[in-house]
Amino acid sequence: MSSRVWIRLVVMKQTKSRFLKTKKREKYAVWIDNEDLDRLRKYQERVGVPVSESIRRAVKMYVDALKNRKAV
């Protein structure tokens, strides 16, 4: 059984908004196994890093690794 986690990634332009320094991002939904989600939630409780931020960091590391291998 899987749980759905929404990663909120927002595209913001430089305006009078409080999000002036936000990078360009896009909202995307992914499915995550319950076991992995439970581990991420425990990590969030222990360290304070939101689940969505942990997922974003993991995706960034994966994409960077692909770039280093020149696969992308």
N, C-alpha and C. Protein backbone atom coordinates (compact mmCIF):
# COMPACT_ATOMS: atom_id res chain seq x y z
N MET A 1 0.86 -1.17 0.00
CA MET A 1 0.00 0.00 0.00
C MET A 1 0.90 1.23 0.00
N SER A 2 0.52 2.24 -0.73
CA SER A 2 1.32 3.46 -0.83
C SER A 2 0.53 4.65 -0.32
N SER A 3 1.23 5.68 0.05
CA SER A 3 0.62 6.94 0.45
C SER A 3 1.06 8.01 -0.53
N ARG A 4 0.17 8.92 -0.82
CA ARG A 4 0.51 9.99 -1.75
C ARG A 4 1.00 11.19 -0.96
N VAL A 5 2.10 11.75 -1.41
CA VAL A 5 2.68 12.94 -0.78
C VAL A 5 2.72 14.02 -1.84
N TRP A 6 2.17 15.15 -1.54
CA TRP A 6 2.22 16.30 -2.46
C TRP A 6 3.43 17.13 -2.11
N ILE A 7 4.26 17.37 -3.09
CA ILE A 7 5.40 18.26 -2.91
C ILE A 7 4.98 19.60 -3.48
N ARG A 8 4.90 20.60 -2.64
CA ARG A 8 4.47 21.91 -3.12
C ARG A 8 5.69 22.70 -3.57
N LEU A 9 5.77 22.89 -4.85
CA LEU A 9 6.84 23.66 -5.44
C LEU A 9 6.18 24.80 -6.19
N VAL A 10 6.54 26.01 -5.88
CA VAL A 10 5.81 27.16 -6.36
C VAL A 10 6.67 28.01 -7.30
N VAL A 11 6.06 28.47 -8.38
CA VAL A 11 6.74 29.40 -9.28
C VAL A 11 6.37 30.80 -8.82
N MET A 12 7.36 31.58 -8.45
CA MET A 12 7.11 32.94 -7.97
C MET A 12 7.95 33.92 -8.78
N LYS A 13 7.38 35.05 -9.08
CA LYS A 13 8.09 36.11 -9.79
C LYS A 13 8.48 37.19 -8.79
N GLN A 14 9.43 38.02 -9.17
CA GLN A 14 9.83 39.10 -8.28
C GLN A 14 8.75 40.18 -8.30
N THR A 15 8.01 40.20 -7.23
CA THR A 15 6.95 41.20 -7.04
C THR A 15 7.05 41.69 -5.61
N LYS A 16 5.99 42.29 -5.13
CA LYS A 16 5.97 42.76 -3.75
C LYS A 16 5.68 41.60 -2.79
N SER A 17 5.64 40.39 -3.29
CA SER A 17 5.34 39.20 -2.50
C SER A 17 6.45 38.95 -1.48
N ARG A 18 6.12 38.22 -0.43
CA ARG A 18 7.13 37.83 0.56
C ARG A 18 8.02 36.71 0.03
N PHE A 19 7.73 36.20 -1.16
CA PHE A 19 8.49 35.11 -1.74
C PHE A 19 9.48 35.61 -2.79
N LEU A 20 10.02 36.77 -2.61
CA LEU A 20 10.93 37.36 -3.60
C LEU A 20 12.10 36.46 -3.96
N LYS A 21 12.67 35.76 -2.99
CA LYS A 21 13.89 35.00 -3.24
C LYS A 21 13.63 33.53 -3.56
N THR A 22 12.38 33.16 -3.81
CA THR A 22 12.04 31.78 -4.11
C THR A 22 12.47 31.43 -5.53
N LYS A 23 13.09 30.27 -5.69
CA LYS A 23 13.50 29.80 -7.00
C LYS A 23 12.28 29.33 -7.78
N LYS A 24 12.43 29.19 -9.07
CA LYS A 24 11.33 28.68 -9.88
C LYS A 24 11.13 27.21 -9.54
N ARG A 25 9.90 26.87 -9.23
CA ARG A 25 9.57 25.50 -8.85
C ARG A 25 8.20 25.15 -9.40
N GLU A 26 7.89 23.88 -9.39
CA GLU A 26 6.63 23.39 -9.90
C GLU A 26 6.05 22.34 -8.95
N LYS A 27 4.76 22.38 -8.75
CA LYS A 27 4.09 21.40 -7.89
C LYS A 27 4.01 20.07 -8.62
N TYR A 28 4.31 18.96 -7.90
CA TYR A 28 4.32 17.65 -8.50
C TYR A 28 3.92 16.62 -7.45
N ALA A 29 3.12 15.65 -7.82
CA ALA A 29 2.68 14.61 -6.88
C ALA A 29 3.44 13.32 -7.13
N VAL A 30 3.80 12.63 -6.06
CA VAL A 30 4.49 11.34 -6.17
C VAL A 30 3.86 10.34 -5.20
N TRP A 31 4.02 9.07 -5.48
CA TRP A 31 3.60 8.00 -4.58
C TRP A 31 4.81 7.51 -3.81
N ILE A 32 4.64 7.32 -2.50
CA ILE A 32 5.74 6.86 -1.65
C ILE A 32 5.22 5.70 -0.80
N ASP A 33 6.05 4.67 -0.66
CA ASP A 33 5.67 3.53 0.19
C ASP A 33 5.45 4.00 1.62
N ASN A 34 4.48 3.38 2.28
CA ASN A 34 4.16 3.76 3.67
C ASN A 34 5.38 3.68 4.57
N GLU A 35 6.19 2.65 4.40
CA GLU A 35 7.37 2.47 5.24
C GLU A 35 8.33 3.66 5.08
N ASP A 36 8.55 4.08 3.84
CA ASP A 36 9.44 5.23 3.59
C ASP A 36 8.85 6.51 4.16
N LEU A 37 7.55 6.68 3.99
CA LEU A 37 6.88 7.88 4.50
C LEU A 37 6.96 7.93 6.03
N ASP A 38 6.76 6.78 6.67
CA ASP A 38 6.87 6.72 8.14
C ASP A 38 8.27 7.11 8.59
N ARG A 39 9.28 6.63 7.87
CA ARG A 39 10.66 6.97 8.23
C ARG A 39 10.93 8.47 8.04
N LEU A 40 10.38 9.03 6.97
CA LEU A 40 10.55 10.47 6.74
C LEU A 40 9.85 11.29 7.82
N ARG A 41 8.69 10.83 8.25
CA ARG A 41 7.95 11.55 9.31
C ARG A 41 8.71 11.47 10.64
N LYS A 42 9.31 10.32 10.94
CA LYS A 42 10.11 10.19 12.16
C LYS A 42 11.32 11.11 12.10
N TYR A 43 11.94 11.18 10.92
CA TYR A 43 13.07 12.09 10.72
C TYR A 43 12.63 13.54 10.93
N GLN A 44 11.44 13.87 10.42
CA GLN A 44 10.91 15.22 10.59
C GLN A 44 10.72 15.55 12.07
N GLU A 45 10.17 14.62 12.82
CA GLU A 45 9.97 14.85 14.26
C GLU A 45 11.29 15.02 14.99
N ARG A 46 12.27 14.21 14.61
CA ARG A 46 13.57 14.22 15.30
C ARG A 46 14.40 15.44 14.94
N VAL A 47 14.44 15.79 13.64
CA VAL A 47 15.35 16.83 13.17
C VAL A 47 14.63 18.13 12.83
N GLY A 48 13.36 18.03 12.44
CA GLY A 48 12.61 19.24 12.11
C GLY A 48 12.56 19.56 10.62
N VAL A 49 13.09 18.67 9.79
CA VAL A 49 13.07 18.90 8.35
C VAL A 49 11.76 18.34 7.80
N PRO A 50 10.94 19.18 7.14
CA PRO A 50 9.67 18.69 6.59
C PRO A 50 9.87 17.57 5.58
N VAL A 51 8.89 16.69 5.51
CA VAL A 51 8.96 15.55 4.58
C VAL A 51 9.19 16.04 3.16
N SER A 52 8.46 17.07 2.75
CA SER A 52 8.60 17.57 1.38
C SER A 52 10.01 18.08 1.10
N GLU A 53 10.64 18.68 2.10
CA GLU A 53 12.01 19.18 1.93
C GLU A 53 13.00 18.01 1.82
N SER A 54 12.78 16.96 2.60
CA SER A 54 13.64 15.78 2.51
C SER A 54 13.53 15.15 1.12
N ILE A 55 12.33 15.09 0.59
CA ILE A 55 12.13 14.53 -0.75
C ILE A 55 12.79 15.42 -1.79
N ARG A 56 12.63 16.74 -1.65
CA ARG A 56 13.23 17.68 -2.61
C ARG A 56 14.75 17.52 -2.61
N ARG A 57 15.34 17.39 -1.44
CA ARG A 57 16.79 17.24 -1.34
C ARG A 57 17.25 15.93 -1.99
N ALA A 58 16.49 14.86 -1.78
CA ALA A 58 16.85 13.57 -2.37
C ALA A 58 16.77 13.62 -3.89
N VAL A 59 15.73 14.28 -4.41
CA VAL A 59 15.59 14.42 -5.86
C VAL A 59 16.75 15.23 -6.41
N LYS A 60 17.12 16.32 -5.72
CA LYS A 60 18.22 17.16 -6.18
C LYS A 60 19.53 16.37 -6.22
N MET A 61 19.78 15.59 -5.17
CA MET A 61 21.00 14.77 -5.15
C MET A 61 21.01 13.77 -6.30
N TYR A 62 19.86 13.17 -6.59
CA TYR A 62 19.77 12.20 -7.68
C TYR A 62 20.03 12.87 -9.03
N VAL A 63 19.40 14.02 -9.26
CA VAL A 63 19.59 14.74 -10.52
C VAL A 63 21.04 15.20 -10.66
N ASP A 64 21.63 15.69 -9.59
CA ASP A 64 23.04 16.10 -9.63
C ASP A 64 23.94 14.92 -9.96
N ALA A 65 23.64 13.75 -9.41
CA ALA A 65 24.43 12.55 -9.69
C ALA A 65 24.31 12.18 -11.17
N LEU A 66 23.12 12.34 -11.73
CA LEU A 66 22.92 12.06 -13.15
C LEU A 66 23.74 13.04 -14.01
N LYS A 67 23.76 14.29 -13.60
CA LYS A 67 24.54 15.29 -14.34
C LYS A 67 26.02 14.94 -14.31
N ASN A 68 26.49 14.49 -13.16
CA ASN A 68 27.91 14.12 -13.02
C ASN A 68 28.28 12.94 -13.90
N ARG A 69 27.33 12.08 -14.16
CA ARG A 69 27.57 10.95 -15.05
C ARG A 69 27.27 11.29 -16.51
N LYS A 70 26.85 12.54 -16.71
CA LYS A 70 26.50 13.04 -18.04
C LYS A 70 25.39 12.24 -18.70
N ALA A 71 24.47 11.75 -17.86
CA ALA A 71 23.34 10.97 -18.36
C ALA A 71 22.17 11.87 -18.75
N VAL A 72 22.19 13.10 -18.26
CA VAL A 72 21.08 14.03 -18.56
C VAL A 72 21.56 15.08 -19.53
